[in-house]
Amino acid sequence: MKMRGQTALDFPMDSYLPKILCLIMIRLYTGCLGPAELSLVTKLQYFVCVLGLVATLGVSEAVIDIIRKDPKRKSEVYTTSVVFSLVTLIIILCLFPLLSKAFKFSKYVSYVILMLFAVRFRDINRQYARANNLSRICFADNIINIILTAAFMVIFILLLELGVKGYFIAAILADICSSIFIMALSDLKSQLNPDNIDMKLARKMVRISAPYVGAALCWWMMRYINFYLVSYLVSNKESGMYICAYLVSDMIMLAVIMLRKTWTDDMFAFEDKKIIKSHYTKALDSYFSILTAAAAIIMLLVKVVMSILTDKAYWEAYRFAPFIIVAMVIQSMCYFLSCIYFEKNIVRTFIKCAALAVIMNIIFDIILIPFLDAQGASISALISSFILFIMVIVDTQRIMKYSISWRKIGLNLITLIYMSVVIVFKLPVMYVWLLIGVIVIALINYPALTASVSLYAQNKNSGSN
């Protein structure tokens, strides 16, 4: 999704730090929480994020746009977004008896509610800070939030042994402290004025945010719906193992997040369509090469990485990782291509493609999971991601002509799938076969990998100028 209003400093920290925190803390999670408990807290955390976004109709997403266009309405925008979010969240609480049974969190309803309010309030405050070009405050907030989360996790999970409850308490306290920090340095208290509530403004914010909420919901379902389906169709324990493999596999995103931001933000600033096409073609090729190279290396080391980052009870989760990694490569390509939709303001077209892929994912899950358990979910994610990839490429080619090497894509994906099969079936001399796969990937992508270094430097220099 197009990240509006973020600076080059703030975006990498927003994207990298939560993932780095996850990698640092995963050893603590897996050491103190069993697979079933890890499944529960992870599913509820992602559930809270998407529920808050949908329940508030994503009004926080419009804060940046409106304040940037009309700085004099800061107080109205902030007050309206806070009050509107508060009211809609209170309304959604009426559904909690039903939601708690459907998502099986009856024992933790109060914690989920508190987390829901804490997450959304912090998000509004951060959006306001970004809208006012207070990137350093957002930067500092990320650092503070990570330190506090880690500290609270150690206190409540490791020392006090509160398990699932300790996880929620730590996350809630960290978000509350973050909001207080942002409010104190951004002078938000002076902007919160009940007299400035504007319902017309609220409707405008909803109109601006609606397409982004739809796209975010589709991305959420593409990435996380399998967590829930594995729980329902197999068990929470199996879901916990799958989630552990997913969290470790998510390292691949660390290799590409900043590159996506750097390469796509400036390319549409060119007026010459030929330059845009050339730039996008090179960026897409380099992006895919870096993705596949990172995926191959992670696959080669996945068993070792899993034994380092997780508790012994989770070591066997590595067998779910390979197909998840390939699915993430394809999803990341779709994410890269989606910038075309957002730049051209035709988000609804992307939502249609993503919604169809989500439906296909659910169908494949229902078919495969009963026979293959969590491995069925990883294969389903791979198939549905590839379907989305094909649809997005065909559709974006209609919007903006760019070149793409199907031969290179095919060779890379076949090699990654070959490496996945080697790991899943634990073939003899596994590391020899995997090393062969890494060498093949390196040979296929060597020209693009070397070109990507100069491309990244070129964009970095143009951005500084």
Protein backbone atom coordinates (compact mmCIF):
# COMPACT_ATOMS: atom_id res chain seq x y z
CA MET A 1 0.00 0.00 0.00
CA LYS A 2 1.21 3.47 -0.74
CA MET A 3 2.67 4.90 2.44
CA ARG A 4 1.50 8.50 2.33
CA GLY A 5 3.23 11.22 4.25
CA GLN A 6 6.11 9.18 5.60
CA THR A 7 9.68 10.32 5.39
CA ALA A 8 12.68 8.27 4.32
CA LEU A 9 13.79 8.18 7.94
CA ASP A 10 10.49 7.11 9.42
CA PHE A 11 9.43 4.44 6.94
CA PRO A 12 12.35 2.02 7.35
CA MET A 13 12.07 2.21 11.13
CA ASP A 14 8.30 1.66 10.99
CA SER A 15 8.82 -1.40 8.84
CA TYR A 16 12.02 -2.90 10.14
CA LEU A 17 11.83 -2.45 13.88
CA PRO A 18 8.65 -4.47 14.56
CA LYS A 19 10.10 -7.35 12.56
CA ILE A 20 13.45 -7.10 14.30
CA LEU A 21 11.62 -7.05 17.64
CA CYS A 22 9.73 -10.14 16.61
CA LEU A 23 12.97 -11.96 15.79
CA ILE A 24 14.54 -10.89 19.07
CA MET A 25 11.51 -11.83 21.15
CA ILE A 26 10.55 -15.04 19.38
CA ARG A 27 12.95 -16.99 21.59
CA LEU A 28 11.15 -15.63 24.65
CA TYR A 29 7.73 -16.36 23.18
CA THR A 30 8.57 -19.94 22.24
CA GLY A 31 10.37 -20.57 25.53
CA CYS A 32 7.49 -19.37 27.72
CA LEU A 33 4.47 -20.10 25.51
CA GLY A 34 3.51 -23.48 24.13
CA PRO A 35 2.46 -23.81 20.47
CA ALA A 36 -1.24 -23.54 21.37
CA GLU A 37 -0.63 -20.39 23.45
CA LEU A 38 1.55 -18.83 20.73
CA SER A 39 -1.24 -19.52 18.26
CA LEU A 40 -3.78 -17.80 20.52
CA VAL A 41 -1.81 -14.61 21.22
CA THR A 42 -0.64 -14.19 17.62
CA LYS A 43 -4.11 -14.67 16.16
CA LEU A 44 -5.63 -12.25 18.65
CA GLN A 45 -2.93 -9.66 17.99
CA TYR A 46 -3.59 -9.70 14.24
CA PHE A 47 -7.33 -9.86 14.88
CA VAL A 48 -7.16 -6.69 16.99
CA CYS A 49 -5.22 -4.86 14.27
CA VAL A 50 -7.68 -5.62 11.50
CA LEU A 51 -10.77 -5.24 13.70
CA GLY A 52 -9.66 -1.78 14.82
CA LEU A 53 -8.98 -0.69 11.25
CA VAL A 54 -12.33 -1.96 9.94
CA ALA A 55 -14.38 -0.86 12.96
CA THR A 56 -13.11 2.74 12.75
CA LEU A 57 -13.45 2.68 8.94
CA GLY A 58 -9.77 3.59 8.79
CA VAL A 59 -10.27 7.28 9.57
CA SER A 60 -6.72 7.49 10.89
CA GLU A 61 -5.49 6.83 7.34
CA ALA A 62 -7.02 10.15 6.22
CA VAL A 63 -5.37 12.27 8.92
CA ILE A 64 -2.22 12.87 6.89
CA ASP A 65 -4.02 13.75 3.66
CA ILE A 66 -6.35 16.31 5.19
CA ILE A 67 -3.83 18.02 7.47
CA ARG A 68 -1.30 18.30 4.64
CA LYS A 69 -3.92 19.95 2.43
CA ASP A 70 -5.40 22.18 5.13
CA PRO A 71 -2.99 22.72 8.07
CA LYS A 72 -5.42 25.13 9.76
CA ARG A 73 -7.80 22.25 10.54
CA LYS A 74 -5.38 20.28 12.72
CA SER A 75 -7.57 20.44 15.82
CA GLU A 76 -10.73 19.49 13.90
CA VAL A 77 -9.04 16.57 12.18
CA TYR A 78 -7.46 15.20 15.34
CA THR A 79 -10.54 15.64 17.54
CA THR A 80 -12.90 14.21 14.93
CA SER A 81 -10.70 11.18 14.25
CA VAL A 82 -10.33 10.43 17.98
CA VAL A 83 -14.03 10.83 18.81
CA PHE A 84 -15.19 8.99 15.68
CA SER A 85 -12.84 6.08 16.42
CA LEU A 86 -13.95 6.00 20.06
CA VAL A 87 -17.64 5.88 19.15
CA THR A 88 -17.24 3.21 16.46
CA LEU A 89 -15.11 1.05 18.75
CA ILE A 90 -17.74 1.30 21.49
CA ILE A 91 -20.39 0.24 18.97
CA ILE A 92 -18.32 -2.73 17.85
CA LEU A 93 -18.13 -3.89 21.48
CA CYS A 94 -21.75 -4.96 21.12
CA LEU A 95 -20.52 -7.71 18.81
CA PHE A 96 -17.89 -8.98 21.24
CA PRO A 97 -20.03 -11.77 22.74
CA LEU A 98 -20.34 -13.21 19.23
CA LEU A 99 -16.75 -12.45 18.21
CA SER A 100 -15.30 -13.96 21.39
CA LYS A 101 -17.04 -17.25 20.67
CA ALA A 102 -16.15 -17.25 16.97
CA PHE A 103 -12.46 -16.47 17.60
CA LYS A 104 -12.31 -18.33 20.93
CA PHE A 105 -11.03 -15.61 23.24
CA SER A 106 -13.80 -15.56 25.88
CA LYS A 107 -11.22 -15.76 28.68
CA TYR A 108 -9.38 -12.69 27.42
CA VAL A 109 -12.18 -10.35 26.33
CA SER A 110 -11.10 -7.50 28.64
CA TYR A 111 -7.49 -7.70 27.40
CA VAL A 112 -8.56 -7.72 23.75
CA ILE A 113 -10.77 -4.65 24.32
CA LEU A 114 -7.98 -2.72 26.02
CA MET A 115 -5.52 -3.66 23.28
CA LEU A 116 -8.01 -2.60 20.62
CA PHE A 117 -8.35 0.91 22.08
CA ALA A 118 -4.61 1.24 22.80
CA VAL A 119 -3.58 0.22 19.26
CA ARG A 120 -6.02 2.54 17.48
CA PHE A 121 -5.28 5.54 19.71
CA ARG A 122 -1.56 5.14 19.16
CA ASP A 123 -2.10 4.86 15.42
CA ILE A 124 -4.07 8.13 15.30
CA ASN A 125 -1.38 9.91 17.31
CA ARG A 126 1.36 8.62 15.01
CA GLN A 127 -0.54 9.66 11.90
CA TYR A 128 -0.97 13.15 13.34
CA ALA A 129 2.77 13.36 14.08
CA ARG A 130 3.60 12.29 10.52
CA ALA A 131 1.16 14.81 9.08
CA ASN A 132 3.04 17.55 10.94
CA ASN A 133 6.44 16.34 9.70
CA LEU A 134 7.44 15.17 13.17
CA SER A 135 9.36 12.20 11.83
CA ARG A 136 11.89 12.28 14.65
CA ILE A 137 9.14 11.80 17.20
CA CYS A 138 7.86 8.76 15.28
CA PHE A 139 11.41 7.48 15.04
CA ALA A 140 11.91 7.86 18.79
CA ASP A 141 8.49 6.37 19.49
CA ASN A 142 9.42 3.22 17.60
CA ILE A 143 12.60 2.82 19.61
CA ILE A 144 10.82 3.45 22.92
CA ASN A 145 7.92 1.13 22.05
CA ILE A 146 10.26 -1.71 21.19
CA ILE A 147 12.33 -1.28 24.36
CA LEU A 148 9.21 -1.09 26.51
CA THR A 149 7.58 -4.06 24.81
CA ALA A 150 10.70 -6.17 25.31
CA ALA A 151 11.03 -5.07 28.93
CA PHE A 152 7.37 -5.66 29.75
CA MET A 153 7.48 -9.06 28.02
CA VAL A 154 10.43 -10.10 30.16
CA ILE A 155 8.68 -8.89 33.32
CA PHE A 156 5.22 -10.31 32.71
CA ILE A 157 6.00 -13.45 30.71
CA LEU A 158 9.44 -14.56 31.92
CA LEU A 159 9.60 -13.29 35.52
CA LEU A 160 5.94 -13.26 36.60
CA GLU A 161 5.04 -16.22 34.35
CA LEU A 162 1.65 -14.79 33.38
CA GLY A 163 1.70 -16.48 29.99
CA VAL A 164 -0.97 -15.25 27.58
CA LYS A 165 -2.19 -12.57 29.99
CA GLY A 166 1.35 -11.30 30.42
CA TYR A 167 1.69 -10.98 26.65
CA PHE A 168 -1.43 -8.79 26.44
CA ILE A 169 -0.49 -6.67 29.45
CA ALA A 170 2.97 -5.99 27.99
CA ALA A 171 1.61 -5.00 24.58
CA ILE A 172 -1.11 -2.76 26.06
CA LEU A 173 1.25 -0.94 28.42
CA ALA A 174 3.81 -0.36 25.67
CA ASP A 175 1.18 1.19 23.36
CA ILE A 176 -0.22 3.38 26.14
CA CYS A 177 3.27 4.68 26.98
CA SER A 178 3.88 5.36 23.28
CA SER A 179 0.70 7.42 23.01
CA ILE A 180 1.63 9.43 26.11
CA PHE A 181 5.10 10.07 24.65
CA ILE A 182 3.73 11.28 21.30
CA MET A 183 1.06 13.44 22.95
CA ALA A 184 3.61 15.06 25.23
CA LEU A 185 6.02 16.00 22.42
CA SER A 186 3.44 16.80 19.73
CA ASP A 187 1.31 19.09 21.88
CA LEU A 188 -1.73 16.93 21.08
CA LYS A 189 -3.58 17.82 24.27
CA SER A 190 -4.12 21.35 22.98
CA GLN A 191 -5.54 19.96 19.73
CA LEU A 192 -8.19 17.81 21.42
CA ASN A 193 -11.24 20.06 21.67
CA PRO A 194 -14.83 18.66 21.76
CA ASP A 195 -16.10 21.86 20.15
CA ASN A 196 -14.18 20.99 16.99
CA ILE A 197 -16.01 17.75 16.19
CA ASP A 198 -17.13 17.92 12.56
CA MET A 199 -19.33 15.12 11.18
CA LYS A 200 -18.95 16.35 7.60
CA LEU A 201 -15.19 16.05 8.08
CA ALA A 202 -15.68 12.54 9.47
CA ARG A 203 -17.59 11.50 6.35
CA LYS A 204 -14.84 12.97 4.19
CA MET A 205 -12.21 11.01 6.12
CA VAL A 206 -14.17 7.80 5.63
CA ARG A 207 -14.41 8.41 1.87
CA ILE A 208 -10.66 8.96 1.66
CA SER A 209 -9.81 5.92 3.75
CA ALA A 210 -12.35 3.40 2.43
CA PRO A 211 -10.26 2.10 -0.53
CA TYR A 212 -7.18 1.71 1.66
CA VAL A 213 -9.16 -0.17 4.29
CA GLY A 214 -10.42 -2.58 1.65
CA ALA A 215 -6.92 -3.18 0.32
CA ALA A 216 -5.50 -3.60 3.84
CA LEU A 217 -8.22 -6.11 4.69
CA CYS A 218 -7.41 -8.16 1.60
CA TRP A 219 -3.69 -8.12 2.41
CA TRP A 220 -4.47 -9.17 5.97
CA MET A 221 -6.51 -12.14 4.80
CA MET A 222 -3.88 -13.17 2.26
CA ARG A 223 -1.18 -13.22 4.90
CA TYR A 224 -2.91 -14.35 8.09
CA ILE A 225 -6.17 -16.19 7.37
CA ASN A 226 -4.28 -19.49 7.36
CA PHE A 227 -3.46 -19.07 11.06
CA TYR A 228 -7.14 -19.33 11.88
CA LEU A 229 -8.03 -22.05 9.39
CA VAL A 230 -5.27 -24.36 10.64
CA SER A 231 -6.64 -23.90 14.17
CA TYR A 232 -10.21 -24.69 13.13
CA LEU A 233 -9.38 -27.58 10.81
CA VAL A 234 -6.50 -29.18 12.77
CA SER A 235 -5.59 -27.78 16.19
CA ASN A 236 -4.19 -24.74 18.00
CA LYS A 237 -0.93 -26.61 18.53
CA GLU A 238 -0.49 -27.20 14.81
CA SER A 239 -1.39 -23.56 14.17
CA GLY A 240 1.28 -22.48 16.67
CA MET A 241 3.93 -24.47 14.80
CA TYR A 242 2.78 -22.96 11.50
CA ILE A 243 2.86 -19.44 12.98
CA CYS A 244 6.38 -20.01 14.31
CA ALA A 245 7.54 -21.04 10.82
CA TYR A 246 5.78 -17.99 9.38
CA LEU A 247 7.43 -15.57 11.82
CA VAL A 248 10.90 -16.92 11.04
CA SER A 249 10.17 -16.94 7.29
CA ASP A 250 9.09 -13.32 7.54
CA MET A 251 12.79 -12.41 7.74
CA ILE A 252 12.69 -12.21 3.97
CA MET A 253 10.71 -8.99 4.28
CA LEU A 254 13.68 -7.35 6.00
CA ALA A 255 15.60 -7.64 2.74
CA VAL A 256 13.11 -5.78 0.60
CA ILE A 257 10.96 -3.30 2.57
CA MET A 258 13.28 -0.32 2.23
CA LEU A 259 13.99 -1.13 -1.41
CA ARG A 260 10.31 -1.09 -2.32
CA LYS A 261 9.89 2.31 -0.69
CA THR A 262 13.03 3.75 -2.27
CA TRP A 263 12.39 2.50 -5.80
CA THR A 264 8.67 3.22 -6.15
CA ASP A 265 8.25 6.60 -4.46
CA ASP A 266 10.28 8.62 -6.96
CA MET A 267 9.67 6.81 -10.22
CA PHE A 268 6.24 8.35 -10.83
CA ALA A 269 7.66 11.83 -10.38
CA PHE A 270 9.10 11.62 -13.88
CA GLU A 271 6.97 13.19 -16.59
CA ASP A 272 8.37 11.11 -19.44
CA LYS A 273 6.45 7.81 -19.63
CA LYS A 274 9.41 6.09 -21.30
CA ILE A 275 11.62 6.95 -18.32
CA ILE A 276 8.98 5.66 -15.91
CA LYS A 277 8.70 2.41 -17.87
CA SER A 278 12.48 1.95 -17.97
CA HIS A 279 12.91 2.75 -14.29
CA TYR A 280 10.05 0.49 -13.21
CA THR A 281 11.26 -2.41 -15.36
CA LYS A 282 14.75 -2.23 -13.85
CA ALA A 283 13.42 -1.82 -10.31
CA LEU A 284 11.02 -4.74 -10.69
CA ASP A 285 13.75 -7.00 -12.06
CA SER A 286 16.20 -6.07 -9.30
CA TYR A 287 13.53 -6.37 -6.63
CA PHE A 288 12.61 -9.89 -7.74
CA SER A 289 16.25 -10.95 -7.89
CA ILE A 290 16.92 -9.72 -4.36
CA LEU A 291 13.78 -11.47 -3.14
CA THR A 292 14.72 -14.82 -4.64
CA ALA A 293 18.34 -14.57 -3.49
CA ALA A 294 17.22 -13.79 0.06
CA ALA A 295 14.70 -16.64 -0.07
CA ALA A 296 17.33 -19.13 -1.24
CA ILE A 297 19.73 -18.15 1.54
CA ILE A 298 17.00 -18.36 4.19
CA MET A 299 16.01 -21.81 2.91
CA LEU A 300 19.60 -22.97 3.08
CA LEU A 301 19.84 -21.85 6.70
CA VAL A 302 16.22 -22.33 7.81
CA LYS A 303 16.84 -25.38 10.00
CA VAL A 304 19.80 -23.72 11.73
CA VAL A 305 17.97 -20.40 12.12
CA MET A 306 14.95 -22.15 13.59
CA SER A 307 17.13 -23.91 16.18
CA ILE A 308 18.77 -20.58 17.14
CA LEU A 309 15.68 -18.37 17.27
CA THR A 310 13.15 -20.76 18.80
CA ASP A 311 12.78 -23.13 21.71
CA LYS A 312 13.42 -26.83 21.13
CA ALA A 313 9.69 -27.59 21.10
CA TYR A 314 9.39 -25.58 17.86
CA TRP A 315 12.40 -26.87 15.94
CA GLU A 316 10.33 -29.16 13.73
CA ALA A 317 8.34 -26.13 12.52
CA TYR A 318 11.09 -25.55 9.94
CA ARG A 319 9.36 -28.07 7.63
CA PHE A 320 6.49 -25.60 7.10
CA ALA A 321 8.78 -22.71 6.23
CA PRO A 322 9.88 -23.42 2.60
CA PHE A 323 6.52 -23.05 0.84
CA ILE A 324 5.69 -20.08 3.08
CA ILE A 325 8.93 -18.42 1.97
CA VAL A 326 8.09 -18.93 -1.72
CA ALA A 327 4.59 -17.55 -1.07
CA MET A 328 6.14 -14.48 0.59
CA VAL A 329 8.36 -13.89 -2.44
CA ILE A 330 5.30 -13.85 -4.68
CA GLN A 331 3.25 -11.72 -2.25
CA SER A 332 6.10 -9.22 -2.05
CA MET A 333 6.07 -8.94 -5.84
CA CYS A 334 2.33 -8.29 -5.73
CA TYR A 335 2.95 -5.67 -3.06
CA PHE A 336 5.53 -3.99 -5.29
CA LEU A 337 3.19 -3.99 -8.29
CA SER A 338 0.31 -2.65 -6.21
CA CYS A 339 1.97 0.79 -6.12
CA ILE A 340 0.66 1.27 -9.68
CA TYR A 341 -2.93 0.99 -8.47
CA PHE A 342 -2.42 3.45 -5.64
CA GLU A 343 -0.52 5.93 -7.79
CA LYS A 344 -3.27 5.87 -10.41
CA ASN A 345 -6.05 5.97 -7.78
CA ILE A 346 -7.69 2.75 -8.96
CA VAL A 347 -7.44 0.83 -5.71
CA ARG A 348 -10.79 -0.89 -6.21
CA THR A 349 -9.36 -2.82 -9.15
CA PHE A 350 -6.63 -4.23 -6.95
CA ILE A 351 -9.15 -5.10 -4.24
CA LYS A 352 -11.13 -7.20 -6.73
CA CYS A 353 -8.01 -9.18 -7.68
CA ALA A 354 -6.95 -9.63 -4.05
CA ALA A 355 -10.45 -10.65 -2.95
CA LEU A 356 -10.55 -13.37 -5.61
CA ALA A 357 -7.15 -14.65 -4.48
CA VAL A 358 -8.36 -14.72 -0.85
CA ILE A 359 -11.39 -16.80 -1.87
CA MET A 360 -9.11 -19.21 -3.76
CA ASN A 361 -6.84 -19.44 -0.71
CA ILE A 362 -9.74 -20.39 1.55
CA ILE A 363 -10.98 -23.00 -0.95
CA PHE A 364 -7.52 -24.58 -1.24
CA ASP A 365 -7.17 -24.49 2.56
CA ILE A 366 -10.42 -26.38 3.03
CA ILE A 367 -9.27 -28.97 0.48
CA LEU A 368 -5.63 -29.40 1.51
CA ILE A 369 -5.45 -28.85 5.29
CA PRO A 370 -7.54 -31.93 6.25
CA PHE A 371 -5.05 -34.11 4.32
CA LEU A 372 -1.73 -32.32 4.83
CA ASP A 373 -2.34 -30.42 8.10
CA ALA A 374 -0.42 -27.13 8.30
CA GLN A 375 1.64 -28.03 5.24
CA GLY A 376 -1.60 -27.79 3.28
CA ALA A 377 -1.93 -24.18 4.42
CA SER A 378 1.56 -23.30 3.21
CA ILE A 379 0.90 -24.89 -0.19
CA SER A 380 -2.46 -23.11 -0.36
CA ALA A 381 -0.75 -19.78 0.37
CA LEU A 382 1.72 -20.45 -2.43
CA ILE A 383 -0.95 -21.33 -5.01
CA SER A 384 -3.29 -18.42 -4.17
CA SER A 385 -0.36 -15.96 -4.10
CA PHE A 386 0.70 -17.11 -7.57
CA ILE A 387 -2.87 -16.64 -8.84
CA LEU A 388 -2.87 -13.09 -7.46
CA PHE A 389 0.54 -12.47 -9.02
CA ILE A 390 -0.68 -13.47 -12.49
CA MET A 391 -3.83 -11.35 -12.18
CA VAL A 392 -1.91 -8.30 -10.97
CA ILE A 393 0.73 -8.54 -13.69
CA VAL A 394 -1.89 -8.87 -16.44
CA ASP A 395 -3.94 -6.01 -15.02
CA THR A 396 -1.05 -3.61 -14.33
CA GLN A 397 0.32 -4.22 -17.83
CA ARG A 398 -2.98 -2.79 -19.06
CA ILE A 399 -2.46 0.32 -16.91
CA MET A 400 1.27 0.88 -17.45
CA LYS A 401 3.41 -0.94 -19.99
CA TYR A 402 6.59 -2.41 -18.54
CA SER A 403 8.80 -5.34 -19.43
CA ILE A 404 8.96 -8.56 -17.46
CA SER A 405 10.99 -11.74 -18.01
CA TRP A 406 8.65 -14.71 -17.60
CA ARG A 407 11.56 -17.07 -18.26
CA LYS A 408 13.53 -15.63 -15.35
CA ILE A 409 10.50 -15.69 -13.05
CA GLY A 410 9.77 -19.29 -14.00
CA LEU A 411 13.36 -20.47 -13.45
CA ASN A 412 13.59 -18.74 -10.08
CA LEU A 413 10.28 -20.08 -8.79
CA ILE A 414 10.99 -23.61 -10.03
CA THR A 415 14.36 -23.52 -8.24
CA LEU A 416 12.79 -22.28 -5.01
CA ILE A 417 10.09 -24.96 -5.19
CA TYR A 418 12.81 -27.57 -5.81
CA MET A 419 14.59 -26.38 -2.66
CA SER A 420 11.28 -26.50 -0.76
CA VAL A 421 10.72 -30.12 -1.78
CA VAL A 422 14.25 -31.02 -0.64
CA ILE A 423 13.56 -29.57 2.82
CA VAL A 424 10.02 -30.92 3.25
CA PHE A 425 10.99 -34.48 2.30
CA LYS A 426 14.33 -34.32 4.14
CA LEU A 427 16.27 -35.75 1.22
CA PRO A 428 19.68 -37.35 1.94
CA VAL A 429 22.62 -34.91 1.88
CA MET A 430 20.00 -32.16 2.06
CA TYR A 431 22.48 -29.30 2.32
CA VAL A 432 24.25 -30.37 -0.87
CA TRP A 433 20.99 -30.17 -2.82
CA LEU A 434 20.14 -26.85 -1.19
CA LEU A 435 23.57 -25.41 -1.98
CA ILE A 436 23.07 -26.39 -5.61
CA GLY A 437 19.78 -24.45 -5.53
CA VAL A 438 21.50 -21.36 -4.08
CA ILE A 439 24.18 -21.51 -6.79
CA VAL A 440 21.53 -21.78 -9.53
CA ILE A 441 19.66 -18.77 -8.06
CA ALA A 442 22.91 -16.79 -7.92
CA LEU A 443 23.73 -17.56 -11.56
CA ILE A 444 20.24 -16.66 -12.76
CA ASN A 445 20.13 -13.36 -10.88
CA TYR A 446 23.77 -12.24 -10.91
CA PRO A 447 23.33 -9.49 -13.57
CA ALA A 448 20.27 -8.03 -11.84
CA LEU A 449 21.86 -8.25 -8.39
CA THR A 450 24.90 -6.29 -9.52
CA ALA A 451 22.70 -3.77 -11.34
CA SER A 452 20.52 -3.33 -8.25
CA VAL A 453 23.47 -1.93 -6.29
CA SER A 454 23.86 0.97 -8.72
CA LEU A 455 20.08 1.40 -8.97
CA TYR A 456 19.76 1.68 -5.19
CA ALA A 457 22.65 4.15 -5.03
CA GLN A 458 21.12 6.20 -7.84
CA ASN A 459 17.76 6.45 -6.08
CA LYS A 460 19.39 7.20 -2.75
CA ASN A 461 21.39 10.06 -4.27
CA SER A 462 18.38 11.48 -6.11
CA GLY A 463 16.38 11.29 -2.89
CA SER A 464 19.02 13.22 -0.95
CA ASN A 465 19.08 15.87 -3.65
